[in-house]
């Protein structure tokens, strides 16, 4: 979760919380990259990207399932 918050902060998607719209923006960034080798996420090192992508998927699913809009990291 810290990586998500840092990515949102450094990417200008949020100032202090993990937000649903920020998660969707990160998802779109991943989709646009088309491959993990092309993915660049602010605040996330290249060696953490495979874990980051899985964590992003899980967080989006949880936010959708429980209708969460934002949470404190």
PDB file of N, CA and C in Angstrom:
ATOM      1  N   UNK A   1       0.827  -1.186   0.000  1.00  0.00           N
ATOM      2  CA  UNK A   1       0.000   0.000   0.000  1.00  0.00           C
ATOM      3  C   UNK A   1       0.870   1.249   0.000  1.00  0.00           C
ATOM      4  N   UNK A   2       2.030   1.165   0.630  1.00  0.00           N
ATOM      5  CA  UNK A   2       2.913   2.328   0.628  1.00  0.00           C
ATOM      6  C   UNK A   2       3.373   2.654  -0.786  1.00  0.00           C
ATOM      7  N   UNK A   3       3.619   1.630  -1.583  1.00  0.00           N
ATOM      8  CA  UNK A   3       4.033   1.861  -2.972  1.00  0.00           C
ATOM      9  C   UNK A   3       2.933   2.550  -3.767  1.00  0.00           C
ATOM     10  N   UNK A   4       1.683   2.155  -3.535  1.00  0.00           N
ATOM     11  CA  UNK A   4       0.560   2.796  -4.228  1.00  0.00           C
ATOM     12  C   UNK A   4       0.468   4.264  -3.842  1.00  0.00           C
ATOM     13  N   UNK A   5       0.560   4.524  -2.542  1.00  0.00           N
ATOM     14  CA  UNK A   5       0.473   5.900  -2.060  1.00  0.00           C
ATOM     15  C   UNK A   5       1.616   6.736  -2.623  1.00  0.00           C
ATOM     16  N   UNK A   6       2.818   6.181  -2.648  1.00  0.00           N
ATOM     17  CA  UNK A   6       3.972   6.903  -3.175  1.00  0.00           C
ATOM     18  C   UNK A   6       3.824   7.155  -4.675  1.00  0.00           C
ATOM     19  N   UNK A   7       3.348   6.165  -5.405  1.00  0.00           N
ATOM     20  CA  UNK A   7       3.134   6.328  -6.846  1.00  0.00           C
ATOM     21  C   UNK A   7       2.106   7.416  -7.117  1.00  0.00           C
ATOM     22  N   UNK A   8       1.047   7.455  -6.317  1.00  0.00           N
ATOM     23  CA  UNK A   8       0.025   8.487  -6.494  1.00  0.00           C
ATOM     24  C   UNK A   8       0.564   9.861  -6.137  1.00  0.00           C
ATOM     25  N   UNK A   9       1.332   9.926  -5.072  1.00  0.00           N
ATOM     26  CA  UNK A   9       1.917  11.194  -4.642  1.00  0.00           C
ATOM     27  C   UNK A   9       2.900  11.720  -5.694  1.00  0.00           C
ATOM     28  N   UNK A  10       3.838  10.888  -6.106  1.00  0.00           N
ATOM     29  CA  UNK A  10       4.855  11.321  -7.068  1.00  0.00           C
ATOM     30  C   UNK A  10       4.285  11.508  -8.471  1.00  0.00           C
ATOM     31  N   UNK A  11       3.198  10.831  -8.773  1.00  0.00           N
ATOM     32  CA  UNK A  11       2.551  10.988 -10.073  1.00  0.00           C
ATOM     33  C   UNK A  11       1.529  12.108 -10.102  1.00  0.00           C
ATOM     34  N   UNK A  12       1.357  12.789  -8.966  1.00  0.00           N
ATOM     35  CA  UNK A  12       0.407  13.892  -8.892  1.00  0.00           C
ATOM     36  C   UNK A  12      -1.046  13.462  -8.874  1.00  0.00           C
ATOM     37  N   UNK A  13      -1.310  12.219  -8.480  1.00  0.00           N
ATOM     38  CA  UNK A  13      -2.676  11.695  -8.471  1.00  0.00           C
ATOM     39  C   UNK A  13      -3.370  11.866  -7.129  1.00  0.00           C
ATOM     40  N   UNK A  14      -2.616  12.136  -6.082  1.00  0.00           N
ATOM     41  CA  UNK A  14      -3.178  12.299  -4.743  1.00  0.00           C
ATOM     42  C   UNK A  14      -2.139  12.988  -3.872  1.00  0.00           C
ATOM     43  N   UNK A  15      -2.613  13.566  -2.780  1.00  0.00           N
ATOM     44  CA  UNK A  15      -1.685  14.234  -1.874  1.00  0.00           C
ATOM     45  C   UNK A  15      -1.438  13.454  -0.595  1.00  0.00           C
ATOM     46  N   UNK A  16      -2.406  12.651  -0.165  1.00  0.00           N
ATOM     47  CA  UNK A  16      -2.210  11.965   1.114  1.00  0.00           C
ATOM     48  C   UNK A  16      -2.973  10.657   1.266  1.00  0.00           C
ATOM     49  N   UNK A  17      -3.728  10.255   0.274  1.00  0.00           N
ATOM     50  CA  UNK A  17      -4.557   9.053   0.404  1.00  0.00           C
ATOM     51  C   UNK A  17      -4.469   8.206  -0.864  1.00  0.00           C
ATOM     52  N   UNK A  18      -4.817   6.952  -0.697  1.00  0.00           N
ATOM     53  CA  UNK A  18      -5.007   6.095  -1.866  1.00  0.00           C
ATOM     54  C   UNK A  18      -6.452   6.309  -2.289  1.00  0.00           C
ATOM     55  N   UNK A  19      -6.626   6.766  -3.505  1.00  0.00           N
ATOM     56  CA  UNK A  19      -7.960   7.102  -4.003  1.00  0.00           C
ATOM     57  C   UNK A  19      -8.338   6.172  -5.157  1.00  0.00           C
ATOM     58  N   UNK A  20      -9.636   5.882  -5.250  1.00  0.00           N
ATOM     59  CA  UNK A  20     -10.115   4.996  -6.305  1.00  0.00           C
ATOM     60  C   UNK A  20      -9.785   5.555  -7.690  1.00  0.00           C
ATOM     61  N   UNK A  21      -9.966   6.845  -7.882  1.00  0.00           N
ATOM     62  CA  UNK A  21      -9.656   7.425  -9.186  1.00  0.00           C
ATOM     63  C   UNK A  21      -8.155   7.367  -9.480  1.00  0.00           C
ATOM     64  N   UNK A  22      -7.334   7.453  -8.444  1.00  0.00           N
ATOM     65  CA  UNK A  22      -5.890   7.315  -8.617  1.00  0.00           C
ATOM     66  C   UNK A  22      -5.504   5.902  -9.012  1.00  0.00           C
ATOM     67  N   UNK A  23      -6.171   4.916  -8.410  1.00  0.00           N
ATOM     68  CA  UNK A  23      -5.923   3.519  -8.782  1.00  0.00           C
ATOM     69  C   UNK A  23      -6.290   3.284 -10.246  1.00  0.00           C
ATOM     70  N   UNK A  24      -7.410   3.869 -10.662  1.00  0.00           N
ATOM     71  CA  UNK A  24      -7.828   3.726 -12.057  1.00  0.00           C
ATOM     72  C   UNK A  24      -6.825   4.389 -13.000  1.00  0.00           C
ATOM     73  N   UNK A  25      -6.260   5.518 -12.581  1.00  0.00           N
ATOM     74  CA  UNK A  25      -5.246   6.194 -13.398  1.00  0.00           C
ATOM     75  C   UNK A  25      -3.980   5.341 -13.505  1.00  0.00           C
ATOM     76  N   UNK A  26      -3.589   4.705 -12.406  1.00  0.00           N
ATOM     77  CA  UNK A  26      -2.428   3.813 -12.442  1.00  0.00           C
ATOM     78  C   UNK A  26      -2.706   2.598 -13.322  1.00  0.00           C
ATOM     79  N   UNK A  27      -3.931   2.089 -13.270  1.00  0.00           N
ATOM     80  CA  UNK A  27      -4.311   0.972 -14.136  1.00  0.00           C
ATOM     81  C   UNK A  27      -4.203   1.380 -15.601  1.00  0.00           C
ATOM     82  N   UNK A  28      -4.681   2.571 -15.926  1.00  0.00           N
ATOM     83  CA  UNK A  28      -4.605   3.039 -17.311  1.00  0.00           C
ATOM     84  C   UNK A  28      -3.154   3.205 -17.753  1.00  0.00           C
ATOM     85  N   UNK A  29      -2.309   3.661 -16.837  1.00  0.00           N
ATOM     86  CA  UNK A  29      -0.877   3.771 -17.120  1.00  0.00           C
ATOM     87  C   UNK A  29      -0.301   2.398 -17.477  1.00  0.00           C
ATOM     88  N   UNK A  30      -0.699   1.377 -16.719  1.00  0.00           N
ATOM     89  CA  UNK A  30      -0.231   0.011 -16.977  1.00  0.00           C
ATOM     90  C   UNK A  30      -0.770  -0.517 -18.307  1.00  0.00           C
ATOM     91  N   UNK A  31      -2.026  -0.243 -18.586  1.00  0.00           N
ATOM     92  CA  UNK A  31      -2.618  -0.695 -19.855  1.00  0.00           C
ATOM     93  C   UNK A  31      -1.922  -0.027 -21.033  1.00  0.00           C
ATOM     94  N   UNK A  32      -1.688   1.273 -20.914  1.00  0.00           N
ATOM     95  CA  UNK A  32      -1.030   2.014 -21.994  1.00  0.00           C
ATOM     96  C   UNK A  32       0.393   1.515 -22.245  1.00  0.00           C
ATOM     97  N   UNK A  33       1.056   1.020 -21.205  1.00  0.00           N
ATOM     98  CA  UNK A  33       2.423   0.503 -21.355  1.00  0.00           C
ATOM     99  C   UNK A  33       2.446  -0.769 -22.201  1.00  0.00           C
ATOM    100  N   UNK A  34       1.371  -1.522 -22.188  1.00  0.00           N
ATOM    101  CA  UNK A  34       1.192  -2.755 -22.962  1.00  0.00           C
ATOM    102  C   UNK A  34       2.094  -3.912 -22.553  1.00  0.00           C
ATOM    103  N   UNK A  35       3.156  -3.654 -21.829  1.00  0.00           N
ATOM    104  CA  UNK A  35       4.051  -4.714 -21.373  1.00  0.00           C
ATOM    105  C   UNK A  35       4.797  -4.203 -20.156  1.00  0.00           C
ATOM    106  N   UNK A  36       5.084  -5.084 -19.237  1.00  0.00           N
ATOM    107  CA  UNK A  36       5.772  -4.706 -18.002  1.00  0.00           C
ATOM    108  C   UNK A  36       7.108  -4.015 -18.272  1.00  0.00           C
ATOM    109  N   UNK A  37       7.786  -4.411 -19.340  1.00  0.00           N
ATOM    110  CA  UNK A  37       9.073  -3.782 -19.677  1.00  0.00           C
ATOM    111  C   UNK A  37       8.928  -2.307 -20.033  1.00  0.00           C
ATOM    112  N   UNK A  38       7.737  -1.906 -20.473  1.00  0.00           N
ATOM    113  CA  UNK A  38       7.495  -0.515 -20.866  1.00  0.00           C
ATOM    114  C   UNK A  38       6.904   0.322 -19.737  1.00  0.00           C
ATOM    115  N   UNK A  39       6.520  -0.309 -18.657  1.00  0.00           N
ATOM    116  CA  UNK A  39       5.830   0.380 -17.572  1.00  0.00           C
ATOM    117  C   UNK A  39       6.801   1.196 -16.732  1.00  0.00           C
ATOM    118  N   UNK A  40       6.468   2.459 -16.523  1.00  0.00           N
ATOM    119  CA  UNK A  40       7.219   3.352 -15.643  1.00  0.00           C
ATOM    120  C   UNK A  40       6.221   3.968 -14.676  1.00  0.00           C
ATOM    121  N   UNK A  41       6.404   3.698 -13.402  1.00  0.00           N
ATOM    122  CA  UNK A  41       5.511   4.228 -12.371  1.00  0.00           C
ATOM    123  C   UNK A  41       6.340   5.115 -11.452  1.00  0.00           C
ATOM    124  N   UNK A  42       5.963   6.380 -11.314  1.00  0.00           N
ATOM    125  CA  UNK A  42       6.712   7.279 -10.430  1.00  0.00           C
ATOM    126  C   UNK A  42       6.793   6.719  -9.010  1.00  0.00           C
ATOM    127  N   UNK A  43       7.988   6.701  -8.456  1.00  0.00           N
ATOM    128  CA  UNK A  43       8.171   6.246  -7.084  1.00  0.00           C
ATOM    129  C   UNK A  43       8.303   4.746  -6.901  1.00  0.00           C
ATOM    130  N   UNK A  44       8.222   3.983  -7.995  1.00  0.00           N
ATOM    131  CA  UNK A  44       8.315   2.520  -7.910  1.00  0.00           C
ATOM    132  C   UNK A  44       9.510   2.061  -8.741  1.00  0.00           C
ATOM    133  N   UNK A  45      10.432   1.341  -8.103  1.00  0.00           N
ATOM    134  CA  UNK A  45      11.618   0.862  -8.815  1.00  0.00           C
ATOM    135  C   UNK A  45      11.245  -0.258  -9.782  1.00  0.00           C
ATOM    136  N   UNK A  46      12.066  -0.451 -10.793  1.00  0.00           N
ATOM    137  CA  UNK A  46      11.803  -1.457 -11.825  1.00  0.00           C
ATOM    138  C   UNK A  46      11.656  -2.862 -11.242  1.00  0.00           C
ATOM    139  N   UNK A  47      12.447  -3.186 -10.221  1.00  0.00           N
ATOM    140  CA  UNK A  47      12.375  -4.537  -9.656  1.00  0.00           C
ATOM    141  C   UNK A  47      11.101  -4.764  -8.850  1.00  0.00           C
ATOM    142  N   UNK A  48      10.389  -3.711  -8.491  1.00  0.00           N
ATOM    143  CA  UNK A  48       9.132  -3.840  -7.743  1.00  0.00           C
ATOM    144  C   UNK A  48       7.897  -3.852  -8.645  1.00  0.00           C
ATOM    145  N   UNK A  49       8.070  -3.586  -9.937  1.00  0.00           N
ATOM    146  CA  UNK A  49       6.917  -3.481 -10.832  1.00  0.00           C
ATOM    147  C   UNK A  49       6.058  -4.746 -10.907  1.00  0.00           C
ATOM    148  N   UNK A  50       6.628  -5.967 -10.970  1.00  0.00           N
ATOM    149  CA  UNK A  50       5.755  -7.147 -11.001  1.00  0.00           C
ATOM    150  C   UNK A  50       4.869  -7.258  -9.756  1.00  0.00           C
ATOM    151  N   UNK A  51       5.414  -6.947  -8.605  1.00  0.00           N
ATOM    152  CA  UNK A  51       4.636  -6.987  -7.363  1.00  0.00           C
ATOM    153  C   UNK A  51       3.634  -5.842  -7.342  1.00  0.00           C
ATOM    154  N   UNK A  52       4.056  -4.683  -7.828  1.00  0.00           N
ATOM    155  CA  UNK A  52       3.187  -3.512  -7.877  1.00  0.00           C
ATOM    156  C   UNK A  52       1.944  -3.791  -8.723  1.00  0.00           C
ATOM    157  N   UNK A  53       2.141  -4.405  -9.886  1.00  0.00           N
ATOM    158  CA  UNK A  53       1.021  -4.693 -10.781  1.00  0.00           C
ATOM    159  C   UNK A  53      -0.001  -5.618 -10.114  1.00  0.00           C
ATOM    160  N   UNK A  54       0.476  -6.638  -9.428  1.00  0.00           N
ATOM    161  CA  UNK A  54      -0.433  -7.539  -8.710  1.00  0.00           C
ATOM    162  C   UNK A  54      -1.149  -6.835  -7.578  1.00  0.00           C
ATOM    163  N   UNK A  55      -0.419  -6.019  -6.834  1.00  0.00           N
ATOM    164  CA  UNK A  55      -1.022  -5.258  -5.740  1.00  0.00           C
ATOM    165  C   UNK A  55      -2.062  -4.275  -6.236  1.00  0.00           C
ATOM    166  N   UNK A  56      -1.789  -3.657  -7.373  1.00  0.00           N
ATOM    167  CA  UNK A  56      -2.751  -2.731  -7.971  1.00  0.00           C
ATOM    168  C   UNK A  56      -4.051  -3.455  -8.304  1.00  0.00           C
ATOM    169  N   UNK A  57      -3.942  -4.629  -8.888  1.00  0.00           N
ATOM    170  CA  UNK A  57      -5.134  -5.421  -9.228  1.00  0.00           C
ATOM    171  C   UNK A  57      -5.947  -5.768  -7.989  1.00  0.00           C
ATOM    172  N   UNK A  58      -5.269  -6.180  -6.947  1.00  0.00           N
ATOM    173  CA  UNK A  58      -5.952  -6.545  -5.702  1.00  0.00           C
ATOM    174  C   UNK A  58      -6.632  -5.332  -5.079  1.00  0.00           C
ATOM    175  N   UNK A  59      -5.934  -4.205  -5.021  1.00  0.00           N
ATOM    176  CA  UNK A  59      -6.532  -3.007  -4.428  1.00  0.00           C
ATOM    177  C   UNK A  59      -7.745  -2.526  -5.216  1.00  0.00           C
ATOM    178  N   UNK A  60      -7.662  -2.551  -6.533  1.00  0.00           N
ATOM    179  CA  UNK A  60      -8.811  -2.145  -7.347  1.00  0.00           C
ATOM    180  C   UNK A  60      -9.998  -3.060  -7.062  1.00  0.00           C
ATOM    181  N   UNK A  61      -9.759  -4.364  -6.980  1.00  0.00           N
ATOM    182  CA  UNK A  61     -10.841  -5.313  -6.685  1.00  0.00           C
ATOM    183  C   UNK A  61     -11.457  -5.035  -5.318  1.00  0.00           C
ATOM    184  N   UNK A  62     -10.628  -4.764  -4.308  1.00  0.00           N
ATOM    185  CA  UNK A  62     -11.145  -4.470  -2.969  1.00  0.00           C
ATOM    186  C   UNK A  62     -11.924  -3.164  -2.940  1.00  0.00           C
ATOM    187  N   UNK A  63     -11.406  -2.140  -3.598  1.00  0.00           N
ATOM    188  CA  UNK A  63     -12.111  -0.855  -3.652  1.00  0.00           C
ATOM    189  C   UNK A  63     -13.466  -1.032  -4.323  1.00  0.00           C
ATOM    190  N   UNK A  64     -13.518  -1.820  -5.401  1.00  0.00           N
ATOM    191  CA  UNK A  64     -14.783  -2.068  -6.093  1.00  0.00           C
ATOM    192  C   UNK A  64     -15.737  -2.898  -5.237  1.00  0.00           C
ATOM    193  N   UNK A  65     -15.240  -3.966  -4.645  1.00  0.00           N
ATOM    194  CA  UNK A  65     -16.071  -4.871  -3.855  1.00  0.00           C
ATOM    195  C   UNK A  65     -16.718  -4.169  -2.669  1.00  0.00           C
ATOM    196  N   UNK A  66     -15.942  -3.361  -1.966  1.00  0.00           N
ATOM    197  CA  UNK A  66     -16.445  -2.699  -0.759  1.00  0.00           C
ATOM    198  C   UNK A  66     -16.837  -1.244  -0.998  1.00  0.00           C
ATOM    199  N   UNK A  67     -16.879  -0.833  -2.256  1.00  0.00           N
ATOM    200  CA  UNK A  67     -17.260   0.526  -2.643  1.00  0.00           C
ATOM    201  C   UNK A  67     -16.474   1.583  -1.862  1.00  0.00           C
ATOM    202  N   UNK A  68     -15.165   1.398  -1.816  1.00  0.00           N
ATOM    203  CA  UNK A  68     -14.271   2.334  -1.135  1.00  0.00           C
ATOM    204  C   UNK A  68     -13.862   3.404  -2.138  1.00  0.00           C
ATOM    205  N   UNK A  69     -13.874   4.652  -1.719  1.00  0.00           N
ATOM    206  CA  UNK A  69     -13.451   5.753  -2.582  1.00  0.00           C
ATOM    207  C   UNK A  69     -12.030   6.208  -2.272  1.00  0.00           C
ATOM    208  N   UNK A  70     -11.649   6.119  -0.989  1.00  0.00           N
ATOM    209  CA  UNK A  70     -10.298   6.519  -0.589  1.00  0.00           C
ATOM    210  C   UNK A  70      -9.965   5.874   0.745  1.00  0.00           C
ATOM    211  N   UNK A  71      -8.682   5.719   0.996  1.00  0.00           N
ATOM    212  CA  UNK A  71      -8.246   5.207   2.290  1.00  0.00           C
ATOM    213  C   UNK A  71      -6.895   5.814   2.639  1.00  0.00           C
ATOM    214  N   UNK A  72      -6.635   5.900   3.913  1.00  0.00           N
ATOM    215  CA  UNK A  72      -5.360   6.421   4.394  1.00  0.00           C
ATOM    216  C   UNK A  72      -4.310   5.337   4.238  1.00  0.00           C
ATOM    217  N   UNK A  73      -3.155   5.702   3.737  1.00  0.00           N
ATOM    218  CA  UNK A  73      -2.107   4.696   3.552  1.00  0.00           C
ATOM    219  C   UNK A  73      -1.262   4.547   4.793  1.00  0.00           C
TER     220      UNK A  73
END
